[in-house]
Amino acid sequence: MIDLTSSDPITLNGSCHCGAVKFTVELPFGLSSARRCTCSICRMRGAIAVTSTHDGFRITQGEEKLATYRFNTNVAEHHFCSECGIYTHHKRRSNPDQLGVNVACLDGISPFDFQEVVVYDGQRHPGDNPTHATYTAGVLRFEPADETLAGIPASKEQ
């Protein structure tokens, strides 16, 4: 079992949903760098990202299947599979030397493995303030249903 709170470097394999894009990634701060963000794109995609570097990320298959989306300042580069649409990673605007990697794409890791994830305030982006300060918006928590709720169907209204 992988320690989600460890800041020890770890190397993992990952892929998009359809498997067209595969990669190997070194996470220099382990999975302890897990975060969410409230900026417009992160809020809409809802992914938890962990930190890597350009040197620590290697596409092993399907580089030609990756598409890239840029907006606003065009510093950040958001990469996704052109076949299944899954976001795999992005170059960060806050630190262009770093990549954010979608934890849901990592082999053996689920976003629901994280009980708590810090959420950064992307509405007050570090690149938009003179001190380059990073602000925290809150913490996202996941609490699995207890056994009395497990197996109970969701309401029909959903």
N, C-alpha and C. Protein backbone atom coordinates (compact mmCIF):
# COMPACT_ATOMS: atom_id res chain seq x y z
N MET A 1 0.84 -1.19 0.00
CA MET A 1 0.00 0.00 0.00
C MET A 1 0.88 1.25 0.00
N ILE A 2 0.52 2.23 -0.79
CA ILE A 2 1.28 3.46 -0.92
C ILE A 2 0.85 4.44 0.17
N ASP A 3 1.84 5.07 0.81
CA ASP A 3 1.57 6.06 1.85
C ASP A 3 1.23 7.39 1.19
N LEU A 4 -0.02 7.80 1.32
CA LEU A 4 -0.49 9.02 0.67
C LEU A 4 0.03 10.28 1.34
N THR A 5 0.55 10.16 2.56
CA THR A 5 1.03 11.33 3.29
C THR A 5 2.55 11.49 3.21
N SER A 6 3.23 10.51 2.62
CA SER A 6 4.68 10.55 2.55
C SER A 6 5.16 11.61 1.56
N SER A 7 6.21 12.32 1.96
CA SER A 7 6.83 13.28 1.05
C SER A 7 8.10 12.71 0.42
N ASP A 8 8.32 11.40 0.59
CA ASP A 8 9.45 10.74 -0.05
C ASP A 8 9.19 10.62 -1.54
N PRO A 9 10.22 10.84 -2.37
CA PRO A 9 10.03 10.69 -3.82
C PRO A 9 9.54 9.29 -4.17
N ILE A 10 8.69 9.24 -5.19
CA ILE A 10 8.14 7.97 -5.66
C ILE A 10 7.97 8.05 -7.17
N THR A 11 8.19 6.93 -7.84
CA THR A 11 7.99 6.85 -9.28
C THR A 11 6.82 5.92 -9.56
N LEU A 12 5.89 6.38 -10.38
CA LEU A 12 4.68 5.62 -10.69
C LEU A 12 4.43 5.64 -12.20
N ASN A 13 3.65 4.70 -12.65
CA ASN A 13 3.17 4.67 -14.03
C ASN A 13 1.76 5.22 -14.05
N GLY A 14 1.36 5.73 -15.20
CA GLY A 14 0.01 6.24 -15.33
C GLY A 14 -0.45 6.18 -16.77
N SER A 15 -1.75 6.44 -16.95
CA SER A 15 -2.32 6.46 -18.30
C SER A 15 -3.64 7.21 -18.27
N CYS A 16 -4.11 7.53 -19.47
CA CYS A 16 -5.44 8.11 -19.60
C CYS A 16 -6.47 6.98 -19.48
N HIS A 17 -7.74 7.29 -19.63
CA HIS A 17 -8.80 6.31 -19.48
C HIS A 17 -8.75 5.21 -20.54
N CYS A 18 -8.52 5.58 -21.79
CA CYS A 18 -8.55 4.59 -22.87
C CYS A 18 -7.21 3.86 -23.06
N GLY A 19 -6.16 4.34 -22.40
CA GLY A 19 -4.85 3.71 -22.48
C GLY A 19 -4.01 4.14 -23.67
N ALA A 20 -4.51 5.09 -24.46
CA ALA A 20 -3.74 5.56 -25.62
C ALA A 20 -2.49 6.32 -25.18
N VAL A 21 -2.59 7.05 -24.04
CA VAL A 21 -1.46 7.81 -23.51
C VAL A 21 -0.99 7.13 -22.23
N LYS A 22 0.30 6.79 -22.20
CA LYS A 22 0.90 6.18 -21.01
C LYS A 22 2.14 6.96 -20.64
N PHE A 23 2.43 7.00 -19.34
CA PHE A 23 3.58 7.76 -18.88
C PHE A 23 4.16 7.16 -17.60
N THR A 24 5.39 7.56 -17.32
CA THR A 24 6.06 7.28 -16.05
C THR A 24 6.36 8.63 -15.43
N VAL A 25 6.12 8.74 -14.12
CA VAL A 25 6.32 10.03 -13.46
C VAL A 25 7.03 9.85 -12.13
N GLU A 26 7.99 10.73 -11.86
CA GLU A 26 8.61 10.80 -10.55
C GLU A 26 7.96 11.97 -9.82
N LEU A 27 7.48 11.68 -8.62
CA LEU A 27 6.88 12.70 -7.77
C LEU A 27 7.89 13.05 -6.69
N PRO A 28 8.62 14.16 -6.81
CA PRO A 28 9.71 14.47 -5.88
C PRO A 28 9.25 14.68 -4.45
N PHE A 29 7.97 15.02 -4.25
CA PHE A 29 7.41 15.22 -2.91
C PHE A 29 6.40 14.13 -2.56
N GLY A 30 6.49 13.01 -3.27
CA GLY A 30 5.56 11.92 -3.04
C GLY A 30 4.13 12.35 -3.31
N LEU A 31 3.20 11.70 -2.65
CA LEU A 31 1.79 12.03 -2.82
C LEU A 31 1.32 13.10 -1.84
N SER A 32 2.24 13.55 -0.97
CA SER A 32 1.88 14.60 0.00
C SER A 32 1.62 15.93 -0.68
N SER A 33 1.99 16.06 -1.96
CA SER A 33 1.77 17.31 -2.68
C SER A 33 0.37 17.40 -3.28
N ALA A 34 -0.49 16.45 -2.98
CA ALA A 34 -1.85 16.43 -3.54
C ALA A 34 -2.58 17.73 -3.22
N ARG A 35 -3.27 18.26 -4.24
CA ARG A 35 -3.98 19.52 -4.07
C ARG A 35 -5.10 19.66 -5.08
N ARG A 36 -6.02 20.52 -4.75
CA ARG A 36 -7.04 21.00 -5.69
C ARG A 36 -6.88 22.51 -5.78
N CYS A 37 -7.62 23.11 -6.70
CA CYS A 37 -7.51 24.56 -6.93
C CYS A 37 -8.88 25.09 -7.34
N THR A 38 -9.11 26.36 -7.05
CA THR A 38 -10.39 26.97 -7.39
C THR A 38 -10.33 27.85 -8.64
N CYS A 39 -9.22 27.80 -9.40
CA CYS A 39 -9.19 28.58 -10.63
C CYS A 39 -10.25 28.03 -11.59
N SER A 40 -10.52 28.74 -12.65
CA SER A 40 -11.64 28.37 -13.51
C SER A 40 -11.50 26.98 -14.12
N ILE A 41 -10.33 26.60 -14.59
CA ILE A 41 -10.20 25.29 -15.23
C ILE A 41 -10.16 24.18 -14.20
N CYS A 42 -9.44 24.37 -13.11
CA CYS A 42 -9.37 23.32 -12.07
C CYS A 42 -10.75 23.10 -11.45
N ARG A 43 -11.48 24.17 -11.22
CA ARG A 43 -12.82 24.05 -10.63
C ARG A 43 -13.71 23.20 -11.54
N MET A 44 -13.58 23.38 -12.85
CA MET A 44 -14.44 22.65 -13.77
C MET A 44 -14.01 21.20 -13.98
N ARG A 45 -12.71 20.93 -13.94
CA ARG A 45 -12.28 19.55 -14.17
C ARG A 45 -12.29 18.72 -12.90
N GLY A 46 -12.16 19.35 -11.74
CA GLY A 46 -12.32 18.66 -10.46
C GLY A 46 -11.25 17.65 -10.11
N ALA A 47 -10.09 17.73 -10.70
CA ALA A 47 -9.04 16.74 -10.46
C ALA A 47 -8.19 17.10 -9.24
N ILE A 48 -7.62 16.07 -8.64
CA ILE A 48 -6.58 16.25 -7.64
C ILE A 48 -5.26 16.08 -8.38
N ALA A 49 -4.34 17.03 -8.18
CA ALA A 49 -3.05 16.98 -8.87
C ALA A 49 -1.92 16.84 -7.86
N VAL A 50 -0.87 16.13 -8.25
CA VAL A 50 0.36 16.01 -7.47
C VAL A 50 1.50 16.61 -8.30
N THR A 51 2.58 16.95 -7.62
CA THR A 51 3.68 17.68 -8.24
C THR A 51 4.73 16.78 -8.85
N SER A 52 5.14 17.14 -10.07
CA SER A 52 6.28 16.53 -10.74
C SER A 52 7.08 17.64 -11.40
N THR A 53 8.07 17.25 -12.19
CA THR A 53 8.88 18.21 -12.95
C THR A 53 8.91 17.74 -14.40
N HIS A 54 9.37 18.61 -15.27
CA HIS A 54 9.50 18.24 -16.68
C HIS A 54 10.45 17.06 -16.84
N ASP A 55 11.56 17.08 -16.10
CA ASP A 55 12.53 15.98 -16.18
C ASP A 55 12.01 14.69 -15.58
N GLY A 56 11.06 14.80 -14.65
CA GLY A 56 10.53 13.62 -13.97
C GLY A 56 9.32 13.00 -14.65
N PHE A 57 8.90 13.54 -15.78
CA PHE A 57 7.71 13.06 -16.47
C PHE A 57 8.10 12.60 -17.86
N ARG A 58 7.76 11.35 -18.18
CA ARG A 58 8.14 10.81 -19.49
C ARG A 58 6.95 10.08 -20.11
N ILE A 59 6.55 10.51 -21.30
CA ILE A 59 5.50 9.82 -22.05
C ILE A 59 6.12 8.56 -22.62
N THR A 60 5.51 7.41 -22.33
CA THR A 60 6.03 6.13 -22.83
C THR A 60 5.23 5.61 -24.03
N GLN A 61 4.05 6.17 -24.24
CA GLN A 61 3.21 5.76 -25.37
C GLN A 61 2.19 6.85 -25.65
N GLY A 62 1.95 7.11 -26.92
CA GLY A 62 0.84 7.96 -27.32
C GLY A 62 1.06 9.45 -27.26
N GLU A 63 2.30 9.90 -27.32
CA GLU A 63 2.54 11.35 -27.27
C GLU A 63 1.76 12.07 -28.37
N GLU A 64 1.60 11.43 -29.52
CA GLU A 64 0.87 12.04 -30.62
C GLU A 64 -0.63 12.14 -30.33
N LYS A 65 -1.11 11.45 -29.32
CA LYS A 65 -2.53 11.50 -28.94
C LYS A 65 -2.82 12.62 -27.95
N LEU A 66 -1.77 13.26 -27.41
CA LEU A 66 -1.98 14.34 -26.45
C LEU A 66 -2.39 15.62 -27.16
N ALA A 67 -3.38 16.27 -26.63
CA ALA A 67 -3.79 17.60 -27.08
C ALA A 67 -3.49 18.57 -25.94
N THR A 68 -3.35 19.84 -26.27
CA THR A 68 -2.98 20.85 -25.28
C THR A 68 -3.95 22.01 -25.35
N TYR A 69 -4.35 22.47 -24.17
CA TYR A 69 -5.24 23.63 -24.06
C TYR A 69 -4.53 24.72 -23.27
N ARG A 70 -4.54 25.92 -23.82
CA ARG A 70 -3.98 27.10 -23.15
C ARG A 70 -5.05 28.19 -23.15
N PHE A 71 -5.01 29.05 -22.15
CA PHE A 71 -5.93 30.19 -22.12
C PHE A 71 -5.33 31.30 -21.27
N ASN A 72 -5.97 32.42 -21.22
CA ASN A 72 -5.58 33.57 -20.41
C ASN A 72 -4.13 33.98 -20.71
N THR A 73 -3.18 33.72 -19.81
CA THR A 73 -1.79 34.14 -20.01
C THR A 73 -1.02 33.20 -20.93
N ASN A 74 -1.58 32.04 -21.23
CA ASN A 74 -0.95 31.01 -22.07
C ASN A 74 0.33 30.42 -21.47
N VAL A 75 0.56 30.62 -20.18
CA VAL A 75 1.72 30.02 -19.52
C VAL A 75 1.44 28.56 -19.20
N ALA A 76 0.30 28.31 -18.57
CA ALA A 76 -0.06 26.93 -18.23
C ALA A 76 -0.44 26.17 -19.50
N GLU A 77 -0.04 24.90 -19.55
CA GLU A 77 -0.38 24.02 -20.66
C GLU A 77 -1.09 22.81 -20.10
N HIS A 78 -2.35 22.65 -20.44
CA HIS A 78 -3.19 21.58 -19.92
C HIS A 78 -3.27 20.48 -20.98
N HIS A 79 -2.75 19.30 -20.65
CA HIS A 79 -2.65 18.21 -21.62
C HIS A 79 -3.73 17.15 -21.35
N PHE A 80 -4.33 16.66 -22.42
CA PHE A 80 -5.37 15.65 -22.29
C PHE A 80 -5.33 14.74 -23.50
N CYS A 81 -5.88 13.55 -23.34
CA CYS A 81 -5.92 12.57 -24.42
C CYS A 81 -6.96 12.99 -25.45
N SER A 82 -6.56 13.01 -26.71
CA SER A 82 -7.49 13.40 -27.77
C SER A 82 -8.50 12.31 -28.08
N GLU A 83 -8.29 11.10 -27.57
CA GLU A 83 -9.24 10.00 -27.80
C GLU A 83 -10.34 9.99 -26.73
N CYS A 84 -9.94 9.93 -25.44
CA CYS A 84 -10.94 9.80 -24.36
C CYS A 84 -11.21 11.10 -23.62
N GLY A 85 -10.37 12.12 -23.82
CA GLY A 85 -10.60 13.42 -23.22
C GLY A 85 -10.08 13.59 -21.81
N ILE A 86 -9.43 12.57 -21.25
CA ILE A 86 -8.98 12.66 -19.86
C ILE A 86 -7.74 13.54 -19.73
N TYR A 87 -7.82 14.49 -18.79
CA TYR A 87 -6.68 15.35 -18.44
C TYR A 87 -5.64 14.50 -17.73
N THR A 88 -4.42 14.50 -18.25
CA THR A 88 -3.34 13.71 -17.64
C THR A 88 -2.39 14.55 -16.81
N HIS A 89 -2.04 15.75 -17.31
CA HIS A 89 -1.09 16.58 -16.60
C HIS A 89 -1.11 18.00 -17.16
N HIS A 90 -0.45 18.92 -16.44
CA HIS A 90 -0.34 20.29 -16.94
C HIS A 90 0.94 20.95 -16.43
N LYS A 91 1.43 21.89 -17.21
CA LYS A 91 2.52 22.76 -16.76
C LYS A 91 1.87 23.86 -15.95
N ARG A 92 2.36 24.09 -14.74
CA ARG A 92 1.72 25.05 -13.85
C ARG A 92 2.04 26.49 -14.21
N ARG A 93 1.05 27.32 -14.10
CA ARG A 93 1.26 28.75 -14.27
C ARG A 93 1.98 29.32 -13.05
N SER A 94 1.66 28.81 -11.87
CA SER A 94 2.26 29.32 -10.64
C SER A 94 3.75 29.00 -10.55
N ASN A 95 4.16 27.90 -11.18
CA ASN A 95 5.57 27.52 -11.23
C ASN A 95 5.78 26.72 -12.52
N PRO A 96 6.14 27.39 -13.61
CA PRO A 96 6.27 26.70 -14.91
C PRO A 96 7.34 25.61 -14.94
N ASP A 97 8.17 25.52 -13.89
CA ASP A 97 9.15 24.44 -13.81
C ASP A 97 8.52 23.15 -13.27
N GLN A 98 7.28 23.25 -12.82
CA GLN A 98 6.58 22.09 -12.25
C GLN A 98 5.44 21.65 -13.16
N LEU A 99 5.11 20.37 -13.00
CA LEU A 99 3.91 19.82 -13.63
C LEU A 99 2.94 19.41 -12.53
N GLY A 100 1.66 19.53 -12.80
CA GLY A 100 0.63 18.93 -11.98
C GLY A 100 0.18 17.67 -12.70
N VAL A 101 0.08 16.55 -11.99
CA VAL A 101 -0.30 15.28 -12.60
C VAL A 101 -1.59 14.80 -11.96
N ASN A 102 -2.55 14.41 -12.77
CA ASN A 102 -3.85 13.93 -12.32
C ASN A 102 -3.69 12.61 -11.58
N VAL A 103 -4.00 12.59 -10.27
CA VAL A 103 -3.82 11.36 -9.49
C VAL A 103 -4.71 10.23 -9.99
N ALA A 104 -5.83 10.56 -10.60
CA ALA A 104 -6.74 9.51 -11.10
C ALA A 104 -6.12 8.74 -12.25
N CYS A 105 -5.08 9.28 -12.87
CA CYS A 105 -4.39 8.60 -13.97
C CYS A 105 -3.25 7.71 -13.48
N LEU A 106 -2.92 7.77 -12.20
CA LEU A 106 -1.79 7.00 -11.67
C LEU A 106 -2.22 5.59 -11.30
N ASP A 107 -1.45 4.61 -11.73
CA ASP A 107 -1.76 3.20 -11.45
C ASP A 107 -1.87 2.97 -9.95
N GLY A 108 -2.99 2.40 -9.52
CA GLY A 108 -3.19 2.02 -8.13
C GLY A 108 -3.60 3.15 -7.21
N ILE A 109 -3.87 4.34 -7.76
CA ILE A 109 -4.25 5.49 -6.94
C ILE A 109 -5.63 5.97 -7.39
N SER A 110 -6.45 6.31 -6.42
CA SER A 110 -7.76 6.89 -6.70
C SER A 110 -7.86 8.23 -5.96
N PRO A 111 -8.54 9.20 -6.54
CA PRO A 111 -8.75 10.45 -5.79
C PRO A 111 -9.47 10.21 -4.47
N PHE A 112 -10.23 9.13 -4.40
CA PHE A 112 -10.99 8.83 -3.20
C PHE A 112 -10.15 8.14 -2.14
N ASP A 113 -8.86 7.88 -2.43
CA ASP A 113 -7.94 7.38 -1.42
C ASP A 113 -7.53 8.47 -0.45
N PHE A 114 -7.65 9.73 -0.86
CA PHE A 114 -7.22 10.87 -0.04
C PHE A 114 -8.37 11.31 0.85
N GLN A 115 -8.16 11.24 2.16
CA GLN A 115 -9.22 11.67 3.08
C GLN A 115 -9.36 13.18 3.10
N GLU A 116 -8.24 13.89 2.98
CA GLU A 116 -8.27 15.35 2.93
C GLU A 116 -7.30 15.84 1.87
N VAL A 117 -7.72 16.88 1.17
CA VAL A 117 -6.88 17.49 0.15
C VAL A 117 -6.99 19.00 0.31
N VAL A 118 -5.84 19.66 0.40
CA VAL A 118 -5.84 21.12 0.48
C VAL A 118 -6.32 21.69 -0.86
N VAL A 119 -7.07 22.78 -0.76
CA VAL A 119 -7.59 23.46 -1.95
C VAL A 119 -6.99 24.87 -1.98
N TYR A 120 -6.23 25.14 -3.04
CA TYR A 120 -5.62 26.46 -3.18
C TYR A 120 -6.60 27.43 -3.83
N ASP A 121 -6.47 28.69 -3.46
CA ASP A 121 -7.35 29.74 -3.96
C ASP A 121 -6.85 30.22 -5.31
N GLY A 122 -7.37 29.64 -6.37
CA GLY A 122 -6.98 30.01 -7.72
C GLY A 122 -7.58 31.32 -8.19
N GLN A 123 -8.54 31.85 -7.44
CA GLN A 123 -9.10 33.15 -7.77
C GLN A 123 -8.12 34.27 -7.38
N ARG A 124 -7.24 33.95 -6.42
CA ARG A 124 -6.15 34.87 -6.03
C ARG A 124 -4.84 34.19 -6.40
N HIS A 125 -4.61 34.05 -7.69
CA HIS A 125 -3.47 33.29 -8.21
C HIS A 125 -2.15 33.94 -7.82
N PRO A 126 -1.12 33.13 -7.46
CA PRO A 126 0.18 33.70 -7.10
C PRO A 126 0.79 34.58 -8.20
N GLY A 127 0.50 34.27 -9.45
CA GLY A 127 1.02 35.06 -10.56
C GLY A 127 0.34 36.41 -10.71
N ASP A 128 -0.75 36.61 -9.98
CA ASP A 128 -1.51 37.85 -10.11
C ASP A 128 -1.33 38.81 -8.95
N ASN A 129 -0.46 38.47 -8.00
CA ASN A 129 -0.25 39.38 -6.89
C ASN A 129 1.25 39.68 -6.75
N PRO A 130 1.60 40.87 -6.27
CA PRO A 130 3.00 41.30 -6.28
C PRO A 130 3.93 40.47 -5.41
N THR A 131 3.41 39.83 -4.38
CA THR A 131 4.27 39.01 -3.50
C THR A 131 4.31 37.55 -3.93
N HIS A 132 3.52 37.19 -4.93
CA HIS A 132 3.41 35.81 -5.42
C HIS A 132 2.98 34.84 -4.32
N ALA A 133 2.21 35.35 -3.38
CA ALA A 133 1.72 34.54 -2.27
C ALA A 133 0.70 33.52 -2.77
N THR A 134 0.71 32.35 -2.14
CA THR A 134 -0.28 31.31 -2.40
C THR A 134 -1.27 31.30 -1.25
N TYR A 135 -2.55 31.37 -1.57
CA TYR A 135 -3.59 31.38 -0.55
C TYR A 135 -4.34 30.05 -0.56
N THR A 136 -4.75 29.64 0.59
CA THR A 136 -5.53 28.41 0.74
C THR A 136 -7.01 28.77 0.80
N ALA A 137 -7.81 28.08 0.00
CA ALA A 137 -9.26 28.30 0.01
C ALA A 137 -9.96 27.40 1.01
N GLY A 138 -9.36 26.25 1.31
CA GLY A 138 -9.99 25.33 2.24
C GLY A 138 -9.42 23.92 2.11
N VAL A 139 -10.18 22.98 2.60
CA VAL A 139 -9.80 21.57 2.56
C VAL A 139 -10.99 20.77 2.05
N LEU A 140 -10.74 19.88 1.11
CA LEU A 140 -11.78 18.99 0.60
C LEU A 140 -11.65 17.66 1.33
N ARG A 141 -12.74 17.17 1.88
CA ARG A 141 -12.71 15.91 2.62
C ARG A 141 -13.58 14.85 1.95
N PHE A 142 -13.08 13.62 1.99
CA PHE A 142 -13.87 12.48 1.51
C PHE A 142 -14.02 11.52 2.67
N GLU A 143 -15.26 11.19 2.98
CA GLU A 143 -15.54 10.24 4.04
C GLU A 143 -16.37 9.12 3.44
N PRO A 144 -15.79 7.91 3.37
CA PRO A 144 -16.55 6.79 2.80
C PRO A 144 -17.83 6.55 3.61
N ALA A 145 -18.86 6.09 2.92
CA ALA A 145 -20.11 5.75 3.60
C ALA A 145 -19.86 4.64 4.60
N ASP A 146 -20.51 4.74 5.75
CA ASP A 146 -20.33 3.65 6.71
C ASP A 146 -21.11 2.43 6.23
N GLU A 147 -20.87 1.33 6.85
CA GLU A 147 -21.45 0.06 6.37
C GLU A 147 -22.97 0.05 6.38
N THR A 148 -23.59 0.88 7.20
CA THR A 148 -25.06 0.91 7.22
C THR A 148 -25.61 1.57 5.96
N LEU A 149 -24.80 2.43 5.31
CA LEU A 149 -25.23 3.09 4.09
C LEU A 149 -24.77 2.36 2.84
N ALA A 150 -23.74 1.55 2.97
CA ALA A 150 -23.20 0.85 1.81
C ALA A 150 -24.28 -0.05 1.22
N GLY A 151 -24.41 0.00 -0.07
CA GLY A 151 -25.39 -0.84 -0.75
C GLY A 151 -26.77 -0.24 -0.86
N ILE A 152 -27.01 0.91 -0.21
CA ILE A 152 -28.31 1.56 -0.33
C ILE A 152 -28.30 2.36 -1.63
N PRO A 153 -29.25 2.14 -2.51
CA PRO A 153 -29.25 2.86 -3.80
C PRO A 153 -29.39 4.35 -3.58
N ALA A 154 -28.79 5.13 -4.46
CA ALA A 154 -28.94 6.58 -4.45
C ALA A 154 -30.39 6.91 -4.80
N SER A 155 -30.84 8.07 -4.37
CA SER A 155 -32.23 8.45 -4.68
C SER A 155 -32.41 8.58 -6.17
N LYS A 156 -33.62 8.43 -6.63
CA LYS A 156 -33.95 8.50 -8.05
C LYS A 156 -33.84 9.92 -8.58
N GLU A 157 -33.76 10.90 -7.69
CA GLU A 157 -33.69 12.30 -8.10
C GLU A 157 -32.32 12.64 -8.69
N GLN A 158 -31.31 11.81 -8.48
CA GLN A 158 -29.96 12.14 -8.93
C GLN A 158 -29.85 11.88 -10.36
